[in-house]
Amino acid sequence: MLGTLTLRYPIPCSRFSPYIFGGGGASFGGVGGGLEVRFTPHIGWIGDFSWNFVDGPNNNFGMVRTGINFAF
C-alpha cells in the first residue's frame, strides 16, 4: 500500500510538464521526478526516476519508469 503526492508544472506554451513526487506506505516510500511530453491534449509520454526507501539502507533501490498517459 502506497500513497503518493505529485507536484506537476506544465510549462506554458509548450508540451512539457516536469514533475516531482514523494510518498510513503506500509512497505516502502519513494521520492523522485520526471517529465511528461504531450503529443496531443490527451496523450503524452512520461519518463521518471524514483528512489525507494525500504527497511534499512542495504535494501534501498532506484527505479526507472516510462509509459504513455491517456488524460480524460
N, C-alpha and C. Protein backbone atom coordinates (compact mmCIF):
# COMPACT_ATOMS: atom_id res chain seq x y z
N MET A 1 0.85 -1.17 0.00
CA MET A 1 0.00 0.00 0.00
C MET A 1 0.89 1.23 0.00
N LEU A 2 0.63 2.16 -0.91
CA LEU A 2 1.47 3.34 -1.06
C LEU A 2 0.61 4.54 -1.40
N GLY A 3 0.86 5.66 -0.75
CA GLY A 3 0.22 6.93 -1.09
C GLY A 3 1.27 7.87 -1.64
N THR A 4 0.94 8.60 -2.70
CA THR A 4 1.90 9.46 -3.37
C THR A 4 1.29 10.84 -3.62
N LEU A 5 2.10 11.88 -3.46
CA LEU A 5 1.73 13.24 -3.81
C LEU A 5 2.60 13.67 -4.99
N THR A 6 1.97 14.13 -6.06
CA THR A 6 2.69 14.56 -7.26
C THR A 6 2.47 16.05 -7.48
N LEU A 7 3.56 16.79 -7.66
CA LEU A 7 3.51 18.22 -7.98
C LEU A 7 4.00 18.37 -9.42
N ARG A 8 3.14 18.89 -10.27
CA ARG A 8 3.41 18.99 -11.69
C ARG A 8 3.34 20.44 -12.13
N TYR A 9 4.26 20.86 -13.00
CA TYR A 9 4.26 22.23 -13.51
C TYR A 9 4.25 22.22 -15.04
N PRO A 10 3.07 22.37 -15.67
CA PRO A 10 3.04 22.46 -17.13
C PRO A 10 3.69 23.77 -17.59
N ILE A 11 4.71 23.68 -18.40
CA ILE A 11 5.38 24.87 -18.91
C ILE A 11 4.47 25.54 -19.93
N PRO A 12 4.12 26.81 -19.71
CA PRO A 12 3.19 27.49 -20.62
C PRO A 12 3.69 27.50 -22.07
N CYS A 13 2.76 27.35 -23.00
CA CYS A 13 3.03 27.39 -24.45
C CYS A 13 4.01 26.32 -24.88
N SER A 14 4.01 25.18 -24.19
CA SER A 14 4.86 24.06 -24.59
C SER A 14 4.13 22.76 -24.31
N ARG A 15 4.72 21.66 -24.70
CA ARG A 15 4.16 20.34 -24.45
C ARG A 15 4.81 19.66 -23.26
N PHE A 16 5.70 20.36 -22.56
CA PHE A 16 6.48 19.77 -21.48
C PHE A 16 5.88 20.07 -20.12
N SER A 17 5.94 19.06 -19.23
CA SER A 17 5.39 19.21 -17.90
C SER A 17 6.26 18.43 -16.90
N PRO A 18 7.29 19.06 -16.34
CA PRO A 18 8.11 18.35 -15.34
C PRO A 18 7.33 18.17 -14.04
N TYR A 19 7.69 17.12 -13.30
CA TYR A 19 7.01 16.87 -12.03
C TYR A 19 7.95 16.21 -11.03
N ILE A 20 7.58 16.35 -9.76
CA ILE A 20 8.27 15.66 -8.67
C ILE A 20 7.21 14.94 -7.85
N PHE A 21 7.61 13.88 -7.18
CA PHE A 21 6.65 13.16 -6.36
C PHE A 21 7.34 12.56 -5.15
N GLY A 22 6.55 12.29 -4.15
CA GLY A 22 7.02 11.66 -2.93
C GLY A 22 5.87 10.91 -2.30
N GLY A 23 6.20 9.86 -1.56
CA GLY A 23 5.12 9.09 -0.96
C GLY A 23 5.63 8.21 0.16
N GLY A 24 4.72 7.53 0.76
CA GLY A 24 5.03 6.60 1.83
C GLY A 24 3.96 5.54 1.92
N GLY A 25 4.30 4.45 2.56
CA GLY A 25 3.33 3.38 2.69
C GLY A 25 3.77 2.33 3.67
N ALA A 26 3.02 1.25 3.72
CA ALA A 26 3.28 0.16 4.66
C ALA A 26 4.58 -0.57 4.33
N SER A 27 4.88 -0.74 3.05
CA SER A 27 6.06 -1.50 2.65
C SER A 27 7.27 -0.62 2.38
N PHE A 28 7.05 0.50 1.71
CA PHE A 28 8.16 1.37 1.33
C PHE A 28 7.64 2.75 0.98
N GLY A 29 8.55 3.67 0.79
CA GLY A 29 8.21 5.01 0.33
C GLY A 29 9.23 5.45 -0.68
N GLY A 30 8.85 6.34 -1.56
CA GLY A 30 9.77 6.75 -2.60
C GLY A 30 9.68 8.23 -2.90
N VAL A 31 10.74 8.75 -3.45
CA VAL A 31 10.78 10.13 -3.94
C VAL A 31 11.38 10.10 -5.32
N GLY A 32 11.00 11.08 -6.15
CA GLY A 32 11.56 11.10 -7.49
C GLY A 32 11.04 12.26 -8.29
N GLY A 33 11.32 12.20 -9.59
CA GLY A 33 10.89 13.24 -10.51
C GLY A 33 10.89 12.72 -11.92
N GLY A 34 10.24 13.46 -12.80
CA GLY A 34 10.17 13.03 -14.18
C GLY A 34 9.68 14.12 -15.09
N LEU A 35 9.36 13.71 -16.32
CA LEU A 35 8.92 14.64 -17.35
C LEU A 35 7.82 13.98 -18.16
N GLU A 36 6.77 14.76 -18.45
CA GLU A 36 5.73 14.31 -19.36
C GLU A 36 5.75 15.22 -20.58
N VAL A 37 5.67 14.62 -21.76
CA VAL A 37 5.60 15.35 -23.03
C VAL A 37 4.29 14.96 -23.69
N ARG A 38 3.43 15.95 -23.94
CA ARG A 38 2.13 15.68 -24.57
C ARG A 38 2.25 15.74 -26.08
N PHE A 39 1.78 14.68 -26.75
CA PHE A 39 1.71 14.65 -28.21
C PHE A 39 0.42 15.31 -28.69
N THR A 40 -0.64 15.09 -27.93
CA THR A 40 -1.94 15.73 -28.16
C THR A 40 -2.41 16.21 -26.79
N PRO A 41 -3.52 16.95 -26.71
CA PRO A 41 -4.01 17.36 -25.39
C PRO A 41 -4.37 16.19 -24.46
N HIS A 42 -4.55 14.99 -25.01
CA HIS A 42 -4.98 13.86 -24.20
C HIS A 42 -4.01 12.68 -24.17
N ILE A 43 -2.93 12.73 -24.91
CA ILE A 43 -1.97 11.62 -24.96
C ILE A 43 -0.57 12.17 -24.74
N GLY A 44 0.15 11.56 -23.80
CA GLY A 44 1.51 12.01 -23.51
C GLY A 44 2.43 10.87 -23.12
N TRP A 45 3.71 11.09 -23.28
CA TRP A 45 4.73 10.12 -22.87
C TRP A 45 5.34 10.61 -21.56
N ILE A 46 5.55 9.68 -20.61
CA ILE A 46 6.19 10.03 -19.34
C ILE A 46 7.45 9.21 -19.16
N GLY A 47 8.38 9.78 -18.44
CA GLY A 47 9.59 9.09 -18.03
C GLY A 47 9.99 9.64 -16.68
N ASP A 48 10.29 8.76 -15.73
CA ASP A 48 10.70 9.25 -14.41
C ASP A 48 11.63 8.29 -13.71
N PHE A 49 12.21 8.78 -12.62
CA PHE A 49 13.10 8.01 -11.76
C PHE A 49 12.64 8.18 -10.33
N SER A 50 12.64 7.10 -9.58
CA SER A 50 12.30 7.19 -8.16
C SER A 50 13.33 6.44 -7.34
N TRP A 51 13.53 6.91 -6.12
CA TRP A 51 14.40 6.24 -5.16
C TRP A 51 13.52 5.76 -4.03
N ASN A 52 13.57 4.47 -3.74
CA ASN A 52 12.68 3.85 -2.78
C ASN A 52 13.44 3.46 -1.52
N PHE A 53 12.89 3.84 -0.38
CA PHE A 53 13.47 3.56 0.92
C PHE A 53 12.74 2.37 1.53
N VAL A 54 13.46 1.29 1.70
CA VAL A 54 12.88 0.07 2.27
C VAL A 54 13.53 -0.14 3.64
N ASP A 55 13.23 -1.19 4.30
CA ASP A 55 13.69 -1.48 5.66
C ASP A 55 15.22 -1.57 5.72
N GLY A 56 15.88 -0.46 5.96
CA GLY A 56 17.34 -0.43 6.08
C GLY A 56 18.02 0.02 4.81
N PRO A 57 19.20 0.66 4.94
CA PRO A 57 19.87 1.24 3.76
C PRO A 57 20.37 0.19 2.77
N ASN A 58 20.57 -1.05 3.17
CA ASN A 58 21.03 -2.07 2.23
C ASN A 58 19.92 -2.54 1.30
N ASN A 59 18.68 -2.18 1.58
CA ASN A 59 17.55 -2.62 0.76
C ASN A 59 17.00 -1.52 -0.13
N ASN A 60 17.50 -0.29 -0.04
CA ASN A 60 17.01 0.82 -0.86
C ASN A 60 17.33 0.55 -2.33
N PHE A 61 16.50 1.07 -3.22
CA PHE A 61 16.74 0.85 -4.65
C PHE A 61 16.15 1.98 -5.48
N GLY A 62 16.69 2.14 -6.69
CA GLY A 62 16.19 3.11 -7.65
C GLY A 62 15.36 2.40 -8.71
N MET A 63 14.43 3.15 -9.32
CA MET A 63 13.56 2.56 -10.33
C MET A 63 13.31 3.59 -11.43
N VAL A 64 13.44 3.16 -12.68
CA VAL A 64 13.15 3.99 -13.85
C VAL A 64 11.86 3.49 -14.47
N ARG A 65 10.95 4.43 -14.78
CA ARG A 65 9.69 4.05 -15.39
C ARG A 65 9.47 4.90 -16.64
N THR A 66 8.77 4.33 -17.61
CA THR A 66 8.36 5.07 -18.79
C THR A 66 7.02 4.51 -19.25
N GLY A 67 6.25 5.34 -19.92
CA GLY A 67 4.94 4.88 -20.37
C GLY A 67 4.17 5.96 -21.09
N ILE A 68 2.95 5.62 -21.42
CA ILE A 68 2.06 6.54 -22.12
C ILE A 68 0.89 6.87 -21.21
N ASN A 69 0.56 8.15 -21.10
CA ASN A 69 -0.60 8.63 -20.32
C ASN A 69 -1.74 8.96 -21.26
N PHE A 70 -2.92 8.56 -20.85
CA PHE A 70 -4.15 8.94 -21.55
C PHE A 70 -4.95 9.79 -20.56
N ALA A 71 -5.08 11.08 -20.85
CA ALA A 71 -5.79 12.00 -19.96
C ALA A 71 -7.22 12.20 -20.46
N PHE A 72 -8.17 12.06 -19.54
CA PHE A 72 -9.59 12.22 -19.90
C PHE A 72 -10.20 13.34 -19.11
